[in-house]
Amino acid sequence: MRIAFDIRRLGDYGIGTYIRNLVLQFSLLDHQNFFYLIAHSGQPQGFNSLPPNFSFILDPTAGNCFWNDLILPRLLQKHGVELLHTPHYRCPRFLRCCSVITMHDCVHILFPNIAGSKAESRRSRKRTQRSVNSCSQIIAVSEATRRDVERLFHVPRKKITVIHNAIDERLIVKNKKVEEKQILERYQVDGPFLLYAGNIRPHKNIVRVIEAFAVLKSEVQTDQTWHRLKLFIIGDELSKYQLLRRTVIRGGIQNDVRFLGFVPYETLRVFYRSAQIFVFPSLYEGFGLPPLEAMANGTPVLTSNVSSLPEVLGEAALLVNPENVFEISKGLKHLLFDLSLRNDLREKGFQQVKKYSWRKSAKLSLKTYERVLGRK
């Protein structure tokens, strides 16, 4: 097979994790088929030692639609590419080969305010509909995402293959205790904390996380162990989200909530391991990597009982109604004061993580390519 794989969003957090790990597994598993990686200039250094059956097609533009829709299809034809895998829903138009797209979620449809305007939301839905109609096969990262795609875009079930994600090995703790201590000291961490990590879009439900933490703080302020408890939020810069700042002030917890922005992988995994609880009551997830990353680092997880999260996390997390602040707070308090429950979730978390692997995902993706080209 001659397969093209679009890696131009390698720098993104979620999609970038997907791209990096699939390509690395392809390079280990498959030395027979030819892979053409579509990259921006300068991106190839992200893959330093690929086998000789891998090469690059460089995009000299910054995501120019003309190049993507008109020039790229001709380049793929020139290289004899039989199938293009686009790891998101914006597949190039006018392709002359088979195509596979990956749908990570339908958040841009279910939460249209994320797009920024009604016009952009309509354009985004139109692009997605065009891609799901024109592609040969859709990979959904969970059964929940598969159901969303099927319902929202009227796609037949046989056109969707479910292939789960897995965690990035860079987020499994490798640090020695001394190194962990140095990182925590650098961030002036001197007491117990709850952790949220991920982007800070509205559907992530961070406002309710802060409100639930404010309720929790009022209930543990006299407790000898937990009165110094903090909430750390890792993700986008706070300056972009003034509502969060106002929520912190309204709850009177300015000294107990810290926004750390983005942090390197080696720092993030230390925070995962050091947190008392990872709190992730998202309103919607296509898969939900951060809770699995926390589990891989031995941290008990409180998360939502909606969308893909019960499917992906199973019985290894405490599930709550994400729209009920007091249920979130009650769940956090339960976990804090029930050591046996925390230990139980920790052990179940380690087992849950083992169910997912990028090697398995890559094998299933290759089988999907073969099935699509077999149909051709």
Protein backbone atom coordinates (compact mmCIF):
# COMPACT_ATOMS: atom_id res chain seq x y z
CA MET A 1 0.00 0.00 0.00
CA ARG A 2 0.99 3.60 -0.53
CA ILE A 3 -0.45 5.57 2.39
CA ALA A 4 -0.31 9.28 3.13
CA PHE A 5 -0.75 10.46 6.71
CA ASP A 6 -1.31 14.12 7.58
CA ILE A 7 0.94 15.12 10.51
CA ARG A 8 0.58 18.90 10.20
CA ARG A 9 -1.20 19.15 13.58
CA LEU A 10 1.59 17.37 15.40
CA GLY A 11 1.95 20.33 17.76
CA ASP A 12 -1.62 20.07 19.06
CA TYR A 13 -2.09 18.37 22.43
CA GLY A 14 -4.75 15.71 21.78
CA ILE A 15 -4.45 15.27 18.00
CA GLY A 16 -0.68 15.65 18.27
CA THR A 17 -0.56 12.73 20.72
CA TYR A 18 -2.60 10.68 18.28
CA ILE A 19 -0.36 11.54 15.31
CA ARG A 20 2.95 11.01 17.09
CA ASN A 21 2.09 7.64 18.56
CA LEU A 22 0.43 6.18 15.46
CA VAL A 23 3.36 7.16 13.24
CA LEU A 24 5.89 5.74 15.69
CA GLN A 25 3.97 2.47 15.89
CA PHE A 26 3.60 2.29 12.09
CA SER A 27 7.37 2.67 11.84
CA LEU A 28 7.88 -0.27 14.21
CA LEU A 29 5.19 -2.53 12.79
CA ASP A 30 5.31 -1.99 9.05
CA HIS A 31 8.45 -2.02 6.90
CA GLN A 32 6.66 -3.14 3.76
CA ASN A 33 4.06 -0.48 2.89
CA PHE A 34 5.07 3.04 1.86
CA PHE A 35 4.13 5.98 4.07
CA TYR A 36 4.15 9.62 2.99
CA LEU A 37 3.91 12.02 5.92
CA ILE A 38 2.37 15.38 5.01
CA ALA A 39 4.20 17.93 7.14
CA HIS A 40 4.87 21.62 7.49
CA SER A 41 8.44 22.70 6.80
CA GLY A 42 10.49 22.01 9.93
CA GLN A 43 8.16 19.34 11.32
CA PRO A 44 10.08 16.25 10.16
CA GLN A 45 12.59 16.61 13.01
CA GLY A 46 9.83 15.28 15.28
CA PHE A 47 10.58 11.85 13.77
CA ASN A 48 14.33 11.38 13.70
CA SER A 49 14.81 7.71 12.87
CA LEU A 50 12.05 6.52 10.60
CA PRO A 51 12.69 3.46 8.37
CA PRO A 52 13.33 3.88 4.63
CA ASN A 53 9.71 3.19 3.68
CA PHE A 54 8.78 6.59 5.20
CA SER A 55 9.17 9.90 3.38
CA PHE A 56 7.74 13.41 3.60
CA ILE A 57 5.54 15.65 1.49
CA LEU A 58 6.16 19.19 2.71
CA ASP A 59 3.46 21.83 2.84
CA PRO A 60 5.23 25.18 2.16
CA THR A 61 2.18 27.15 3.32
CA ALA A 62 0.67 27.79 6.74
CA GLY A 63 -2.41 25.66 6.12
CA ASN A 64 -3.42 27.41 2.90
CA CYS A 65 -6.77 26.07 1.66
CA PHE A 66 -5.77 26.39 -2.00
CA TRP A 67 -2.67 24.23 -1.46
CA ASN A 68 -4.58 21.75 0.67
CA ASP A 69 -7.54 21.30 -1.69
CA LEU A 70 -5.88 21.62 -5.11
CA ILE A 71 -2.11 21.11 -4.91
CA LEU A 72 -2.00 18.30 -2.35
CA PRO A 73 -4.34 15.95 -4.27
CA ARG A 74 -2.09 16.28 -7.34
CA LEU A 75 1.04 15.58 -5.26
CA LEU A 76 -0.58 12.49 -3.79
CA GLN A 77 -1.47 11.28 -7.27
CA LYS A 78 2.09 11.96 -8.45
CA HIS A 79 3.45 9.72 -5.66
CA GLY A 80 0.94 7.00 -6.41
CA VAL A 81 -0.77 7.36 -3.02
CA GLU A 82 -3.76 5.06 -2.73
CA LEU A 83 -5.13 6.27 0.61
CA LEU A 84 -4.90 9.45 2.69
CA HIS A 85 -5.51 9.35 6.45
CA THR A 86 -6.48 12.76 7.84
CA PRO A 87 -6.43 12.56 11.67
CA HIS A 88 -9.21 15.14 12.04
CA TYR A 89 -12.40 16.14 10.22
CA ARG A 90 -10.92 18.60 7.69
CA CYS A 91 -10.13 16.32 4.81
CA PRO A 92 -8.82 17.95 1.58
CA ARG A 93 -11.32 18.37 -1.21
CA PHE A 94 -10.93 17.00 -4.74
CA LEU A 95 -8.97 13.92 -3.65
CA ARG A 96 -8.29 11.31 -6.30
CA CYS A 97 -7.63 8.48 -3.83
CA CYS A 98 -9.40 6.74 -0.97
CA SER A 99 -9.49 8.57 2.33
CA VAL A 100 -9.90 7.88 6.04
CA ILE A 101 -10.66 10.55 8.62
CA THR A 102 -10.51 10.33 12.41
CA MET A 103 -13.30 11.87 14.44
CA HIS A 104 -12.02 12.56 17.94
CA ASP A 105 -15.28 14.15 19.06
CA CYS A 106 -18.19 16.29 17.90
CA VAL A 107 -17.61 19.09 20.37
CA HIS A 108 -17.62 21.75 17.64
CA ILE A 109 -21.15 20.67 16.74
CA LEU A 110 -22.57 20.04 20.21
CA PHE A 111 -20.97 23.19 21.69
CA PRO A 112 -21.13 25.66 18.78
CA ASN A 113 -20.02 28.59 20.98
CA ILE A 114 -16.51 27.11 20.86
CA ALA A 115 -16.23 28.13 17.19
CA GLY A 116 -16.43 31.78 18.20
CA SER A 117 -19.37 32.87 16.05
CA LYS A 118 -22.52 31.42 14.52
CA ALA A 119 -21.07 31.87 11.03
CA GLU A 120 -17.90 29.97 11.91
CA SER A 121 -19.98 27.28 13.61
CA ARG A 122 -22.01 26.81 10.41
CA ARG A 123 -18.84 26.64 8.31
CA SER A 124 -17.35 24.09 10.69
CA ARG A 125 -20.44 21.88 10.53
CA LYS A 126 -20.51 22.15 6.73
CA ARG A 127 -16.82 21.15 6.46
CA THR A 128 -17.40 18.19 8.75
CA GLN A 129 -20.47 17.04 6.82
CA ARG A 130 -18.54 17.28 3.56
CA SER A 131 -15.67 15.23 4.98
CA VAL A 132 -17.83 12.46 6.45
CA ASN A 133 -19.77 12.23 3.19
CA SER A 134 -16.75 12.10 0.90
CA CYS A 135 -14.35 9.91 2.89
CA SER A 136 -14.13 6.16 2.43
CA GLN A 137 -14.12 5.30 6.14
CA ILE A 138 -14.34 7.09 9.51
CA ILE A 139 -12.32 6.11 12.57
CA ALA A 140 -14.05 7.08 15.83
CA VAL A 141 -12.00 7.03 19.02
CA SER A 142 -14.85 5.66 21.16
CA GLU A 143 -18.29 4.13 20.88
CA ALA A 144 -19.70 7.38 22.24
CA THR A 145 -18.09 9.34 19.40
CA ARG A 146 -19.31 6.76 16.92
CA ARG A 147 -22.88 7.26 18.13
CA ASP A 148 -22.51 11.05 17.89
CA VAL A 149 -21.20 10.90 14.32
CA GLU A 150 -23.90 8.46 13.30
CA ARG A 151 -26.65 10.63 14.82
CA LEU A 152 -25.44 14.11 13.89
CA PHE A 153 -24.30 13.39 10.32
CA HIS A 154 -26.57 10.48 9.37
CA VAL A 155 -23.62 8.20 8.64
CA PRO A 156 -24.30 4.46 8.18
CA ARG A 157 -22.88 2.31 10.98
CA LYS A 158 -20.71 0.23 8.61
CA LYS A 159 -18.80 3.35 7.58
CA ILE A 160 -17.46 3.91 11.13
CA THR A 161 -14.69 1.88 12.78
CA VAL A 162 -14.06 2.34 16.51
CA ILE A 163 -10.36 2.39 17.44
CA HIS A 164 -9.52 3.61 20.94
CA ASN A 165 -6.75 6.01 21.83
CA ALA A 166 -4.07 5.31 24.44
CA ILE A 167 -1.80 7.39 26.63
CA ASP A 168 1.53 8.84 25.59
CA GLU A 169 4.42 7.04 27.28
CA ARG A 170 6.01 10.43 27.96
CA LEU A 171 3.34 10.95 30.62
CA ILE A 172 4.20 7.82 32.60
CA VAL A 173 6.32 8.75 35.61
CA LYS A 174 10.02 8.21 35.09
CA ASN A 175 11.37 10.82 37.50
CA LYS A 176 13.33 9.87 40.56
CA LYS A 177 12.01 11.12 43.87
CA VAL A 178 14.76 13.75 44.02
CA GLU A 179 13.76 15.15 40.62
CA GLU A 180 10.10 15.19 41.63
CA LYS A 181 10.96 17.11 44.77
CA GLN A 182 12.91 19.67 42.73
CA ILE A 183 9.98 20.27 40.34
CA LEU A 184 7.47 20.66 43.17
CA GLU A 185 9.79 23.06 44.99
CA ARG A 186 10.21 25.09 41.80
CA TYR A 187 6.43 25.55 41.67
CA GLN A 188 6.31 26.19 45.44
CA VAL A 189 4.06 23.23 46.14
CA ASP A 190 4.11 22.68 49.89
CA GLY A 191 0.83 20.90 50.65
CA PRO A 192 -1.92 18.62 49.29
CA PHE A 193 -3.70 19.60 46.09
CA LEU A 194 -6.38 18.59 43.62
CA LEU A 195 -5.46 18.72 39.94
CA TYR A 196 -7.18 19.50 36.67
CA ALA A 197 -5.19 19.28 33.42
CA GLY A 198 -6.48 19.93 29.91
CA ASN A 199 -7.70 22.83 27.86
CA ILE A 200 -10.08 25.36 29.44
CA ARG A 201 -12.94 25.52 26.99
CA PRO A 202 -16.52 25.93 28.28
CA HIS A 203 -17.43 22.24 27.92
CA LYS A 204 -14.56 21.31 30.24
CA ASN A 205 -16.72 22.63 33.10
CA ILE A 206 -13.93 24.42 34.98
CA VAL A 207 -16.33 26.96 36.50
CA ARG A 208 -18.13 24.15 38.33
CA VAL A 209 -14.79 22.63 39.35
CA ILE A 210 -13.90 25.91 41.07
CA GLU A 211 -17.35 26.25 42.64
CA ALA A 212 -17.22 22.66 43.94
CA PHE A 213 -13.76 23.29 45.35
CA ALA A 214 -15.04 26.40 47.16
CA VAL A 215 -17.77 24.29 48.78
CA LEU A 216 -15.22 21.63 49.70
CA LYS A 217 -12.84 24.19 51.25
CA SER A 218 -15.59 25.53 53.49
CA GLU A 219 -16.18 22.00 54.79
CA VAL A 220 -12.54 21.05 55.46
CA GLN A 221 -11.19 24.36 56.73
CA THR A 222 -10.90 23.01 60.29
CA ASP A 223 -9.61 19.56 59.30
CA GLN A 224 -6.03 18.98 60.40
CA THR A 225 -5.07 17.14 57.20
CA TRP A 226 -6.98 18.98 54.47
CA HIS A 227 -7.31 22.60 55.63
CA ARG A 228 -4.34 23.58 53.41
CA LEU A 229 -5.79 21.86 50.31
CA LYS A 230 -5.26 23.70 46.99
CA LEU A 231 -6.64 23.38 43.47
CA PHE A 232 -4.12 23.47 40.61
CA ILE A 233 -5.35 24.00 37.06
CA ILE A 234 -2.95 23.19 34.23
CA GLY A 235 -3.92 24.38 30.76
CA ASP A 236 -4.49 27.67 28.94
CA GLU A 237 -3.48 30.99 30.46
CA LEU A 238 -6.01 32.47 32.88
CA SER A 239 -5.95 35.84 31.08
CA LYS A 240 -8.07 34.29 28.29
CA TYR A 241 -10.87 33.34 30.68
CA GLN A 242 -11.93 36.19 32.95
CA LEU A 243 -15.02 34.23 34.08
CA LEU A 244 -12.74 31.81 35.91
CA ARG A 245 -11.02 34.64 37.76
CA ARG A 246 -14.39 36.06 38.81
CA THR A 247 -15.53 32.61 39.97
CA VAL A 248 -12.43 32.27 42.16
CA ILE A 249 -13.00 35.70 43.69
CA ARG A 250 -16.70 35.07 44.23
CA GLY A 251 -15.85 31.86 46.09
CA GLY A 252 -13.29 33.63 48.28
CA ILE A 253 -10.55 31.13 47.39
CA GLN A 254 -8.01 33.42 45.74
CA ASN A 255 -5.21 31.96 47.88
CA ASP A 256 -6.18 28.36 47.21
CA VAL A 257 -6.53 28.16 43.40
CA ARG A 258 -3.52 28.35 41.10
CA PHE A 259 -3.52 28.51 37.30
CA LEU A 260 -0.22 27.13 36.01
CA GLY A 261 -0.71 27.50 32.24
CA PHE A 262 0.97 24.91 30.05
CA VAL A 263 3.79 22.83 31.54
CA PRO A 264 6.32 20.41 29.97
CA TYR A 265 5.61 16.67 29.94
CA GLU A 266 8.19 15.94 32.64
CA THR A 267 6.48 18.50 34.89
CA LEU A 268 2.95 17.37 34.10
CA ARG A 269 3.62 13.76 35.05
CA VAL A 270 5.03 14.88 38.41
CA PHE A 271 1.85 16.87 39.09
CA TYR A 272 -0.23 13.85 38.07
CA ARG A 273 1.58 11.62 40.52
CA SER A 274 1.62 14.13 43.38
CA ALA A 275 -2.07 15.13 43.29
CA GLN A 276 -4.47 13.70 45.85
CA ILE A 277 -7.26 13.53 43.26
CA PHE A 278 -7.49 14.28 39.56
CA VAL A 279 -10.78 16.11 38.96
CA PHE A 280 -12.24 16.05 35.46
CA PRO A 281 -16.04 16.60 35.42
CA SER A 282 -16.16 17.44 31.72
CA LEU A 283 -19.54 17.93 30.07
CA TYR A 284 -18.37 16.16 26.92
CA GLU A 285 -15.38 14.08 25.78
CA GLY A 286 -14.78 12.14 22.60
CA PHE A 287 -12.34 9.89 24.48
CA GLY A 288 -10.79 11.55 27.54
CA LEU A 289 -7.02 11.09 27.71
CA PRO A 290 -6.18 13.18 30.85
CA PRO A 291 -8.03 10.88 33.31
CA LEU A 292 -6.21 7.86 31.85
CA GLU A 293 -2.90 9.73 32.14
CA ALA A 294 -3.64 10.43 35.80
CA MET A 295 -4.50 6.75 36.37
CA ALA A 296 -1.22 5.68 34.77
CA ASN A 297 0.53 7.79 37.39
CA GLY A 298 -1.37 6.26 40.31
CA THR A 299 -3.80 9.10 40.99
CA PRO A 300 -7.49 8.43 41.78
CA VAL A 301 -9.88 10.12 39.37
CA LEU A 302 -13.23 11.88 39.80
CA THR A 303 -14.94 12.42 36.47
CA SER A 304 -18.29 12.67 34.68
CA ASN A 305 -20.94 10.05 34.13
CA VAL A 306 -21.63 11.32 30.59
CA SER A 307 -20.36 10.92 26.99
CA SER A 308 -17.33 8.64 26.53
CA LEU A 309 -15.95 8.80 30.08
CA PRO A 310 -17.86 5.84 31.60
CA GLU A 311 -16.93 3.78 28.53
CA VAL A 312 -13.22 4.62 28.65
CA LEU A 313 -12.69 4.64 32.43
CA GLY A 314 -15.10 1.92 33.50
CA GLU A 315 -15.14 1.24 37.25
CA ALA A 316 -11.69 2.76 37.76
CA ALA A 317 -13.01 6.28 38.46
CA LEU A 318 -15.62 7.88 40.70
CA LEU A 319 -18.38 9.10 38.36
CA VAL A 320 -20.57 12.12 39.19
CA ASN A 321 -23.16 14.33 37.53
CA PRO A 322 -21.01 17.11 35.99
CA GLU A 323 -23.86 19.64 36.12
CA ASN A 324 -24.30 19.36 39.91
CA VAL A 325 -21.72 21.37 41.85
CA PHE A 326 -22.68 19.77 45.16
CA GLU A 327 -22.38 16.24 43.76
CA ILE A 328 -18.88 17.07 42.49
CA SER A 329 -17.95 18.51 45.90
CA LYS A 330 -19.46 15.54 47.74
CA GLY A 331 -17.50 13.13 45.53
CA LEU A 332 -14.24 14.97 46.18
CA LYS A 333 -14.86 14.93 49.93
CA HIS A 334 -15.68 11.22 49.80
CA LEU A 335 -12.40 10.49 48.06
CA LEU A 336 -10.38 12.67 50.42
CA PHE A 337 -11.65 10.99 53.56
CA ASP A 338 -11.95 7.40 52.28
CA LEU A 339 -8.40 6.12 51.96
CA SER A 340 -9.51 2.59 51.05
CA LEU A 341 -11.57 3.97 48.13
CA ARG A 342 -8.60 5.99 46.89
CA ASN A 343 -6.37 2.91 47.04
CA ASP A 344 -9.02 0.81 45.29
CA LEU A 345 -9.38 3.31 42.45
CA ARG A 346 -5.61 3.59 42.19
CA GLU A 347 -5.26 -0.18 41.62
CA LYS A 348 -8.21 -0.30 39.24
CA GLY A 349 -6.73 2.65 37.35
CA PHE A 350 -3.48 0.81 36.68
CA GLN A 351 -5.46 -2.12 35.26
CA GLN A 352 -7.73 0.12 33.17
CA VAL A 353 -4.79 1.82 31.46
CA LYS A 354 -3.48 -1.58 30.33
CA LYS A 355 -6.58 -2.06 28.16
CA TYR A 356 -5.35 0.58 25.72
CA SER A 357 -2.19 0.63 23.63
CA TRP A 358 -1.01 2.56 20.60
CA ARG A 359 0.40 -0.65 19.15
CA LYS A 360 -3.08 -2.16 19.12
CA SER A 361 -4.53 1.08 17.69
CA ALA A 362 -1.92 1.12 14.90
CA LYS A 363 -2.62 -2.51 13.97
CA LEU A 364 -6.36 -1.83 13.76
CA SER A 365 -5.70 1.29 11.67
CA LEU A 366 -3.60 -0.70 9.21
CA LYS A 367 -6.38 -3.28 8.95
CA THR A 368 -8.81 -0.45 8.25
CA TYR A 369 -6.60 0.79 5.40
CA GLU A 370 -6.42 -2.71 3.94
CA ARG A 371 -10.20 -3.10 4.16
CA VAL A 372 -10.81 0.25 2.45
CA LEU A 373 -8.40 -0.50 -0.38
CA GLY A 374 -9.83 -3.99 -0.68
CA ARG A 375 -13.22 -2.41 -1.32
CA LYS A 376 -11.64 -0.24 -4.00
